[in-house]
Amino acid sequence: SFKNNTILSIFLLFSFLGTNVEAQNNKDNPL
C-alpha cells in the first residue's frame, strides 16, 4: 500500500508539472 501510494503521489506530481509545462507551450502558441 505504501509503495502504491508513493507511486500515485509521484504520478500526480509529475502530472501537475506536466500540465503546467503544456500550458506554457500553449501560451507560446496561442489559438
Full PDB file with SEQRES, HELIX, SHEET, SSBOND, CRYST1, ORIGX, SCALE, CONECT and MASTER records, all heavy atoms in Angstrom:
SEQRES   1 A   31  SER PHE LYS ASN ASN THR ILE LEU SER ILE PHE LEU LEU          
SEQRES   2 A   31  PHE SER PHE LEU GLY THR ASN VAL GLU ALA GLN ASN ASN          
SEQRES   3 A   31  LYS ASP ASN PRO LEU                                          
HELIX    1 AA1 PHE A    2  ASP A   28  1                                  27    
CRYST1    1.000    1.000    1.000  90.00  90.00  90.00 P 1           1          
ORIGX1      1.000000  0.000000  0.000000        0.00000                         
ORIGX2      0.000000  1.000000  0.000000        0.00000                         
ORIGX3      0.000000  0.000000  1.000000        0.00000                         
SCALE1      1.000000  0.000000  0.000000        0.00000                         
SCALE2      0.000000  1.000000  0.000000        0.00000                         
SCALE3      0.000000  0.000000  1.000000        0.00000                         
ATOM      1  N   SER A   1       0.829  -1.202   0.000  1.00  0.00           N  
ATOM      2  CA  SER A   1       0.000   0.000   0.000  1.00  0.00           C  
ATOM      3  C   SER A   1       0.865   1.254   0.000  1.00  0.00           C  
ATOM      4  O   SER A   1       0.601   2.236  -0.715  1.00  0.00           O  
ATOM      5  CB  SER A   1      -0.930   0.019   1.215  1.00  0.00           C  
ATOM      6  OG  SER A   1      -1.822  -1.074   1.154  1.00  0.00           O  
ATOM      7  N   PHE A   2       1.908   1.209   0.808  1.00  0.00           N  
ATOM      8  CA  PHE A   2       2.813   2.364   0.873  1.00  0.00           C  
ATOM      9  C   PHE A   2       3.459   2.603  -0.485  1.00  0.00           C  
ATOM     10  O   PHE A   2       3.538   3.732  -0.968  1.00  0.00           O  
ATOM     11  CB  PHE A   2       3.893   2.112   1.931  1.00  0.00           C  
ATOM     12  CG  PHE A   2       4.911   3.231   2.001  1.00  0.00           C  
ATOM     13  CD1 PHE A   2       4.607   4.414   2.667  1.00  0.00           C  
ATOM     14  CD2 PHE A   2       6.157   3.106   1.389  1.00  0.00           C  
ATOM     15  CE1 PHE A   2       5.534   5.440   2.728  1.00  0.00           C  
ATOM     16  CE2 PHE A   2       7.065   4.140   1.454  1.00  0.00           C  
ATOM     17  CZ  PHE A   2       6.761   5.309   2.126  1.00  0.00           C  
ATOM     18  N   LYS A   3       3.890   1.508  -1.126  1.00  0.00           N  
ATOM     19  CA  LYS A   3       4.550   1.634  -2.426  1.00  0.00           C  
ATOM     20  C   LYS A   3       3.578   2.199  -3.459  1.00  0.00           C  
ATOM     21  O   LYS A   3       3.924   3.105  -4.235  1.00  0.00           O  
ATOM     22  CB  LYS A   3       5.057   0.260  -2.872  1.00  0.00           C  
ATOM     23  CG  LYS A   3       5.781   0.290  -4.221  1.00  0.00           C  
ATOM     24  CD  LYS A   3       6.293  -1.105  -4.567  1.00  0.00           C  
ATOM     25  CE  LYS A   3       7.025  -1.092  -5.914  1.00  0.00           C  
ATOM     26  NZ  LYS A   3       7.512  -2.439  -6.268  1.00  0.00           N  
ATOM     27  N   ASN A   4       2.350   1.668  -3.438  1.00  0.00           N  
ATOM     28  CA  ASN A   4       1.356   2.142  -4.405  1.00  0.00           C  
ATOM     29  C   ASN A   4       1.013   3.613  -4.192  1.00  0.00           C  
ATOM     30  O   ASN A   4       0.889   4.384  -5.143  1.00  0.00           O  
ATOM     31  CB  ASN A   4       0.076   1.299  -4.309  1.00  0.00           C  
ATOM     32  CG  ASN A   4       0.269  -0.095  -4.909  1.00  0.00           C  
ATOM     33  OD1 ASN A   4       1.198  -0.317  -5.674  1.00  0.00           O  
ATOM     34  ND2 ASN A   4      -0.616  -1.013  -4.549  1.00  0.00           N  
ATOM     35  N   ASN A   5       0.872   4.011  -2.913  1.00  0.00           N  
ATOM     36  CA  ASN A   5       0.551   5.414  -2.618  1.00  0.00           C  
ATOM     37  C   ASN A   5       1.683   6.341  -3.019  1.00  0.00           C  
ATOM     38  O   ASN A   5       1.473   7.458  -3.482  1.00  0.00           O  
ATOM     39  CB  ASN A   5       0.244   5.589  -1.126  1.00  0.00           C  
ATOM     40  CG  ASN A   5      -1.116   5.013  -0.757  1.00  0.00           C  
ATOM     41  OD1 ASN A   5      -1.976   4.896  -1.614  1.00  0.00           O  
ATOM     42  ND2 ASN A   5      -1.291   4.660   0.509  1.00  0.00           N  
ATOM     43  N   THR A   6       2.920   5.855  -2.819  1.00  0.00           N  
ATOM     44  CA  THR A   6       4.083   6.668  -3.208  1.00  0.00           C  
ATOM     45  C   THR A   6       4.122   6.859  -4.715  1.00  0.00           C  
ATOM     46  O   THR A   6       4.345   7.964  -5.224  1.00  0.00           O  
ATOM     47  CB  THR A   6       5.384   5.991  -2.740  1.00  0.00           C  
ATOM     48  OG1 THR A   6       5.327   5.820  -1.331  1.00  0.00           O  
ATOM     49  CG2 THR A   6       6.589   6.845  -3.107  1.00  0.00           C  
ATOM     50  N   ILE A   7       3.884   5.774  -5.435  1.00  0.00           N  
ATOM     51  CA  ILE A   7       3.881   5.853  -6.900  1.00  0.00           C  
ATOM     52  C   ILE A   7       2.782   6.799  -7.384  1.00  0.00           C  
ATOM     53  O   ILE A   7       2.987   7.626  -8.273  1.00  0.00           O  
ATOM     54  CB  ILE A   7       3.689   4.441  -7.518  1.00  0.00           C  
ATOM     55  CG1 ILE A   7       4.934   3.588  -7.258  1.00  0.00           C  
ATOM     56  CG2 ILE A   7       3.433   4.536  -9.018  1.00  0.00           C  
ATOM     57  CD1 ILE A   7       4.762   2.130  -7.641  1.00  0.00           C  
ATOM     58  N   LEU A   8       1.587   6.691  -6.745  1.00  0.00           N  
ATOM     59  CA  LEU A   8       0.476   7.557  -7.107  1.00  0.00           C  
ATOM     60  C   LEU A   8       0.825   9.024  -6.860  1.00  0.00           C  
ATOM     61  O   LEU A   8       0.545   9.897  -7.687  1.00  0.00           O  
ATOM     62  CB  LEU A   8      -0.775   7.171  -6.322  1.00  0.00           C  
ATOM     63  CG  LEU A   8      -2.018   8.046  -6.567  1.00  0.00           C  
ATOM     64  CD1 LEU A   8      -2.427   7.977  -8.042  1.00  0.00           C  
ATOM     65  CD2 LEU A   8      -3.153   7.613  -5.665  1.00  0.00           C  
ATOM     66  N   SER A   9       1.460   9.303  -5.721  1.00  0.00           N  
ATOM     67  CA  SER A   9       1.820  10.686  -5.385  1.00  0.00           C  
ATOM     68  C   SER A   9       2.799  11.247  -6.405  1.00  0.00           C  
ATOM     69  O   SER A   9       2.680  12.393  -6.850  1.00  0.00           O  
ATOM     70  CB  SER A   9       2.439  10.744  -3.980  1.00  0.00           C  
ATOM     71  OG  SER A   9       1.499  10.325  -3.013  1.00  0.00           O  
ATOM     72  N   ILE A  10       3.786  10.430  -6.778  1.00  0.00           N  
ATOM     73  CA  ILE A  10       4.782  10.869  -7.774  1.00  0.00           C  
ATOM     74  C   ILE A  10       4.116  11.117  -9.117  1.00  0.00           C  
ATOM     75  O   ILE A  10       4.377  12.107  -9.801  1.00  0.00           O  
ATOM     76  CB  ILE A  10       5.912   9.823  -7.912  1.00  0.00           C  
ATOM     77  CG1 ILE A  10       6.716   9.757  -6.606  1.00  0.00           C  
ATOM     78  CG2 ILE A  10       6.820  10.164  -9.085  1.00  0.00           C  
ATOM     79  CD1 ILE A  10       7.724   8.625  -6.570  1.00  0.00           C  
ATOM     80  N   PHE A  11       3.199  10.192  -9.474  1.00  0.00           N  
ATOM     81  CA  PHE A  11       2.490  10.340 -10.738  1.00  0.00           C  
ATOM     82  C   PHE A  11       1.679  11.643 -10.780  1.00  0.00           C  
ATOM     83  O   PHE A  11       1.715  12.388 -11.748  1.00  0.00           O  
ATOM     84  CB  PHE A  11       1.551   9.143 -10.952  1.00  0.00           C  
ATOM     85  CG  PHE A  11       0.638   9.299 -12.142  1.00  0.00           C  
ATOM     86  CD1 PHE A  11       1.112   9.104 -13.436  1.00  0.00           C  
ATOM     87  CD2 PHE A  11      -0.697   9.655 -11.973  1.00  0.00           C  
ATOM     88  CE1 PHE A  11       0.269   9.258 -14.520  1.00  0.00           C  
ATOM     89  CE2 PHE A  11      -1.532   9.816 -13.056  1.00  0.00           C  
ATOM     90  CZ  PHE A  11      -1.050   9.612 -14.343  1.00  0.00           C  
ATOM     91  N   LEU A  12       0.968  11.918  -9.669  1.00  0.00           N  
ATOM     92  CA  LEU A  12       0.161  13.133  -9.608  1.00  0.00           C  
ATOM     93  C   LEU A  12       1.025  14.379  -9.670  1.00  0.00           C  
ATOM     94  O   LEU A  12       0.671  15.378 -10.302  1.00  0.00           O  
ATOM     95  CB  LEU A  12      -0.681  13.137  -8.330  1.00  0.00           C  
ATOM     96  CG  LEU A  12      -1.820  12.116  -8.291  1.00  0.00           C  
ATOM     97  CD1 LEU A  12      -2.480  12.122  -6.921  1.00  0.00           C  
ATOM     98  CD2 LEU A  12      -2.854  12.418  -9.371  1.00  0.00           C  
ATOM     99  N   LEU A  13       2.190  14.338  -8.999  1.00  0.00           N  
ATOM    100  CA  LEU A  13       3.097  15.485  -9.016  1.00  0.00           C  
ATOM    101  C   LEU A  13       3.573  15.764 -10.429  1.00  0.00           C  
ATOM    102  O   LEU A  13       3.537  16.904 -10.903  1.00  0.00           O  
ATOM    103  CB  LEU A  13       4.296  15.222  -8.094  1.00  0.00           C  
ATOM    104  CG  LEU A  13       5.400  16.297  -8.109  1.00  0.00           C  
ATOM    105  CD1 LEU A  13       4.831  17.634  -7.638  1.00  0.00           C  
ATOM    106  CD2 LEU A  13       6.567  15.858  -7.225  1.00  0.00           C  
ATOM    107  N   PHE A  14       4.014  14.699 -11.134  1.00  0.00           N  
ATOM    108  CA  PHE A  14       4.520  14.918 -12.487  1.00  0.00           C  
ATOM    109  C   PHE A  14       3.394  15.283 -13.450  1.00  0.00           C  
ATOM    110  O   PHE A  14       3.614  16.022 -14.405  1.00  0.00           O  
ATOM    111  CB  PHE A  14       5.258  13.659 -12.990  1.00  0.00           C  
ATOM    112  CG  PHE A  14       6.694  13.627 -12.543  1.00  0.00           C  
ATOM    113  CD1 PHE A  14       7.051  12.995 -11.363  1.00  0.00           C  
ATOM    114  CD2 PHE A  14       7.683  14.265 -13.276  1.00  0.00           C  
ATOM    115  CE1 PHE A  14       8.373  12.986 -10.935  1.00  0.00           C  
ATOM    116  CE2 PHE A  14       9.007  14.250 -12.853  1.00  0.00           C  
ATOM    117  CZ  PHE A  14       9.361  13.611 -11.673  1.00  0.00           C  
ATOM    118  N   SER A  15       2.188  14.770 -13.167  1.00  0.00           N  
ATOM    119  CA  SER A  15       1.049  15.160 -13.995  1.00  0.00           C  
ATOM    120  C   SER A  15       0.783  16.651 -13.851  1.00  0.00           C  
ATOM    121  O   SER A  15       0.519  17.358 -14.820  1.00  0.00           O  
ATOM    122  CB  SER A  15      -0.204  14.376 -13.592  1.00  0.00           C  
ATOM    123  OG  SER A  15      -0.025  13.011 -13.871  1.00  0.00           O  
ATOM    124  N   PHE A  16       0.877  17.139 -12.601  1.00  0.00           N  
ATOM    125  CA  PHE A  16       0.656  18.558 -12.351  1.00  0.00           C  
ATOM    126  C   PHE A  16       1.722  19.400 -13.046  1.00  0.00           C  
ATOM    127  O   PHE A  16       1.436  20.376 -13.722  1.00  0.00           O  
ATOM    128  CB  PHE A  16       0.664  18.817 -10.844  1.00  0.00           C  
ATOM    129  CG  PHE A  16       0.584  20.283 -10.493  1.00  0.00           C  
ATOM    130  CD1 PHE A  16      -0.620  20.956 -10.575  1.00  0.00           C  
ATOM    131  CD2 PHE A  16       1.719  20.981 -10.085  1.00  0.00           C  
ATOM    132  CE1 PHE A  16      -0.709  22.294 -10.257  1.00  0.00           C  
ATOM    133  CE2 PHE A  16       1.626  22.327  -9.784  1.00  0.00           C  
ATOM    134  CZ  PHE A  16       0.419  22.979  -9.856  1.00  0.00           C  
ATOM    135  N   LEU A  17       2.968  18.966 -12.898  1.00  0.00           N  
ATOM    136  CA  LEU A  17       4.056  19.703 -13.538  1.00  0.00           C  
ATOM    137  C   LEU A  17       3.929  19.648 -15.044  1.00  0.00           C  
ATOM    138  O   LEU A  17       4.145  20.633 -15.745  1.00  0.00           O  
ATOM    139  CB  LEU A  17       5.407  19.119 -13.091  1.00  0.00           C  
ATOM    140  CG  LEU A  17       5.776  19.348 -11.618  1.00  0.00           C  
ATOM    141  CD1 LEU A  17       7.059  18.589 -11.291  1.00  0.00           C  
ATOM    142  CD2 LEU A  17       5.917  20.819 -11.304  1.00  0.00           C  
ATOM    143  N   GLY A  18       3.558  18.472 -15.542  1.00  0.00           N  
ATOM    144  CA  GLY A  18       3.392  18.320 -16.977  1.00  0.00           C  
ATOM    145  C   GLY A  18       2.314  19.228 -17.522  1.00  0.00           C  
ATOM    146  O   GLY A  18       2.446  19.819 -18.583  1.00  0.00           O  
ATOM    147  N   THR A  19       1.221  19.366 -16.767  1.00  0.00           N  
ATOM    148  CA  THR A  19       0.138  20.247 -17.195  1.00  0.00           C  
ATOM    149  C   THR A  19       0.615  21.679 -17.294  1.00  0.00           C  
ATOM    150  O   THR A  19       0.312  22.391 -18.243  1.00  0.00           O  
ATOM    151  CB  THR A  19      -1.040  20.144 -16.203  1.00  0.00           C  
ATOM    152  OG1 THR A  19      -1.530  18.809 -16.208  1.00  0.00           O  
ATOM    153  CG2 THR A  19      -2.157  21.089 -16.596  1.00  0.00           C  
ATOM    154  N   ASN A  20       1.414  22.096 -16.307  1.00  0.00           N  
ATOM    155  CA  ASN A  20       1.933  23.466 -16.340  1.00  0.00           C  
ATOM    156  C   ASN A  20       2.842  23.683 -17.539  1.00  0.00           C  
ATOM    157  O   ASN A  20       2.812  24.718 -18.182  1.00  0.00           O  
ATOM    158  CB  ASN A  20       2.697  23.771 -15.053  1.00  0.00           C  
ATOM    159  CG  ASN A  20       1.744  24.105 -13.912  1.00  0.00           C  
ATOM    160  OD1 ASN A  20       0.561  24.292 -14.141  1.00  0.00           O  
ATOM    161  ND2 ASN A  20       2.260  24.152 -12.696  1.00  0.00           N  
ATOM    162  N   VAL A  21       3.684  22.690 -17.839  1.00  0.00           N  
ATOM    163  CA  VAL A  21       4.592  22.805 -18.975  1.00  0.00           C  
ATOM    164  C   VAL A  21       3.801  22.892 -20.270  1.00  0.00           C  
ATOM    165  O   VAL A  21       4.063  23.727 -21.133  1.00  0.00           O  
ATOM    166  CB  VAL A  21       5.567  21.602 -19.007  1.00  0.00           C  
ATOM    167  CG1 VAL A  21       6.338  21.600 -20.313  1.00  0.00           C  
ATOM    168  CG2 VAL A  21       6.536  21.669 -17.835  1.00  0.00           C  
ATOM    169  N   GLU A  22       2.760  22.031 -20.388  1.00  0.00           N  
ATOM    170  CA  GLU A  22       1.961  22.055 -21.596  1.00  0.00           C  
ATOM    171  C   GLU A  22       1.214  23.374 -21.728  1.00  0.00           C  
ATOM    172  O   GLU A  22       1.076  23.917 -22.815  1.00  0.00           O  
ATOM    173  CB  GLU A  22       0.979  20.885 -21.593  1.00  0.00           C  
ATOM    174  CG  GLU A  22       1.667  19.541 -21.806  1.00  0.00           C  
ATOM    175  CD  GLU A  22       0.662  18.408 -21.874  1.00  0.00           C  
ATOM    176  OE1 GLU A  22      -0.092  18.370 -22.836  1.00  0.00           O  
ATOM    177  OE2 GLU A  22       0.661  17.580 -20.957  1.00  0.00           O  
ATOM    178  N   ALA A  23       0.726  23.891 -20.589  1.00  0.00           N  
ATOM    179  CA  ALA A  23       0.041  25.178 -20.621  1.00  0.00           C  
ATOM    180  C   ALA A  23       0.990  26.277 -21.084  1.00  0.00           C  
ATOM    181  O   ALA A  23       0.611  27.168 -21.834  1.00  0.00           O  
ATOM    182  CB  ALA A  23      -0.533  25.504 -19.242  1.00  0.00           C  
ATOM    183  N   GLN A  24       2.254  26.176 -20.612  1.00  0.00           N  
ATOM    184  CA  GLN A  24       3.252  27.152 -21.030  1.00  0.00           C  
ATOM    185  C   GLN A  24       3.466  27.070 -22.532  1.00  0.00           C  
ATOM    186  O   GLN A  24       3.529  28.086 -23.225  1.00  0.00           O  
ATOM    187  CB  GLN A  24       4.579  26.885 -20.297  1.00  0.00           C  
ATOM    188  CG  GLN A  24       5.715  27.818 -20.685  1.00  0.00           C  
ATOM    189  CD  GLN A  24       5.500  29.226 -20.214  1.00  0.00           C  
ATOM    190  OE1 GLN A  24       4.840  29.438 -19.213  1.00  0.00           O  
ATOM    191  NE2 GLN A  24       6.030  30.205 -20.923  1.00  0.00           N  
ATOM    192  N   ASN A  25       3.555  25.848 -23.065  1.00  0.00           N  
ATOM    193  CA  ASN A  25       3.717  25.688 -24.505  1.00  0.00           C  
ATOM    194  C   ASN A  25       2.517  26.259 -25.255  1.00  0.00           C  
ATOM    195  O   ASN A  25       2.665  26.895 -26.278  1.00  0.00           O  
ATOM    196  CB  ASN A  25       3.896  24.193 -24.851  1.00  0.00           C  
ATOM    197  CG  ASN A  25       5.235  23.648 -24.383  1.00  0.00           C  
ATOM    198  OD1 ASN A  25       6.165  24.414 -24.168  1.00  0.00           O  
ATOM    199  ND2 ASN A  25       5.328  22.351 -24.208  1.00  0.00           N  
ATOM    200  N   ASN A  26       1.316  26.017 -24.727  1.00  0.00           N  
ATOM    201  CA  ASN A  26       0.117  26.538 -25.366  1.00  0.00           C  
ATOM    202  C   ASN A  26       0.108  28.059 -25.355  1.00  0.00           C  
ATOM    203  O   ASN A  26      -0.330  28.694 -26.295  1.00  0.00           O  
ATOM    204  CB  ASN A  26      -1.136  26.002 -24.673  1.00  0.00           C  
ATOM    205  CG  ASN A  26      -1.406  24.553 -25.035  1.00  0.00           C  
ATOM    206  OD1 ASN A  26      -1.025  24.102 -26.106  1.00  0.00           O  
ATOM    207  ND2 ASN A  26      -2.049  23.829 -24.137  1.00  0.00           N  
ATOM    208  N   LYS A  27       0.589  28.635 -24.244  1.00  0.00           N  
ATOM    209  CA  LYS A  27       0.638  30.098 -24.140  1.00  0.00           C  
ATOM    210  C   LYS A  27       1.544  30.679 -25.221  1.00  0.00           C  
ATOM    211  O   LYS A  27       1.265  31.731 -25.790  1.00  0.00           O  
ATOM    212  CB  LYS A  27       1.143  30.500 -22.748  1.00  0.00           C  
ATOM    213  CG  LYS A  27       1.172  32.010 -22.513  1.00  0.00           C  
ATOM    214  CD  LYS A  27       2.034  32.378 -21.342  1.00  0.00           C  
ATOM    215  CE  LYS A  27       3.480  32.092 -21.649  1.00  0.00           C  
ATOM    216  NZ  LYS A  27       4.411  32.705 -20.675  1.00  0.00           N  
ATOM    217  N   ASP A  28       2.622  29.977 -25.510  1.00  0.00           N  
ATOM    218  CA  ASP A  28       3.556  30.453 -26.523  1.00  0.00           C  
ATOM    219  C   ASP A  28       3.052  30.203 -27.939  1.00  0.00           C  
ATOM    220  O   ASP A  28       3.604  30.730 -28.901  1.00  0.00           O  
ATOM    221  CB  ASP A  28       4.918  29.780 -26.333  1.00  0.00           C  
ATOM    222  CG  ASP A  28       5.596  30.225 -25.041  1.00  0.00           C  
ATOM    223  OD1 ASP A  28       5.234  31.302 -24.533  1.00  0.00           O  
ATOM    224  OD2 ASP A  28       6.465  29.487 -24.531  1.00  0.00           O  
ATOM    225  N   ASN A  29       2.024  29.380 -28.065  1.00  0.00           N  
ATOM    226  CA  ASN A  29       1.421  29.085 -29.364  1.00  0.00           C  
ATOM    227  C   ASN A  29      -0.097  29.264 -29.240  1.00  0.00           C  
ATOM    228  O   ASN A  29      -0.852  28.289 -29.203  1.00  0.00           O  
ATOM    229  CB  ASN A  29       1.752  27.656 -29.791  1.00  0.00           C  
ATOM    230  CG  ASN A  29       3.238  27.436 -29.970  1.00  0.00           C  
ATOM    231  OD1 ASN A  29       3.814  27.860 -30.956  1.00  0.00           O  
ATOM    232  ND2 ASN A  29       3.856  26.793 -29.003  1.00  0.00           N  
ATOM    233  N   PRO A  30      -0.543  30.498 -29.133  1.00  0.00           N  
ATOM    234  CA  PRO A  30      -1.954  30.756 -28.851  1.00  0.00           C  
ATOM    235  C   PRO A  30      -2.867  30.301 -29.982  1.00  0.00           C  
ATOM    236  O   PRO A  30      -2.462  30.216 -31.148  1.00  0.00           O  
ATOM    237  CB  PRO A  30      -2.012  32.272 -28.683  1.00  0.00           C  
ATOM    238  CG  PRO A  30      -0.846  32.779 -29.472  1.00  0.00           C  
ATOM    239  CD  PRO A  30       0.229  31.741 -29.305  1.00  0.00           C  
ATOM    240  N   LEU A  31      -4.100  30.019 -29.603  1.00  0.00           N  
ATOM    241  CA  LEU A  31      -5.112  29.725 -30.604  1.00  0.00           C  
ATOM    242  C   LEU A  31      -5.529  31.035 -31.272  1.00  0.00           C  
ATOM    243  O   LEU A  31      -5.852  32.017 -30.592  1.00  0.00           O  
ATOM    244  CB  LEU A  31      -6.342  29.085 -29.955  1.00  0.00           C  
ATOM    245  CG  LEU A  31      -6.191  27.662 -29.421  1.00  0.00           C  
ATOM    246  CD1 LEU A  31      -7.476  27.235 -28.724  1.00  0.00           C  
ATOM    247  CD2 LEU A  31      -5.848  26.697 -30.536  1.00  0.00           C  
TER     248      LEU A  31                                                      
MASTER        0    0    0    1    0    0    0    6  247    1    0    3          
END                                                                             
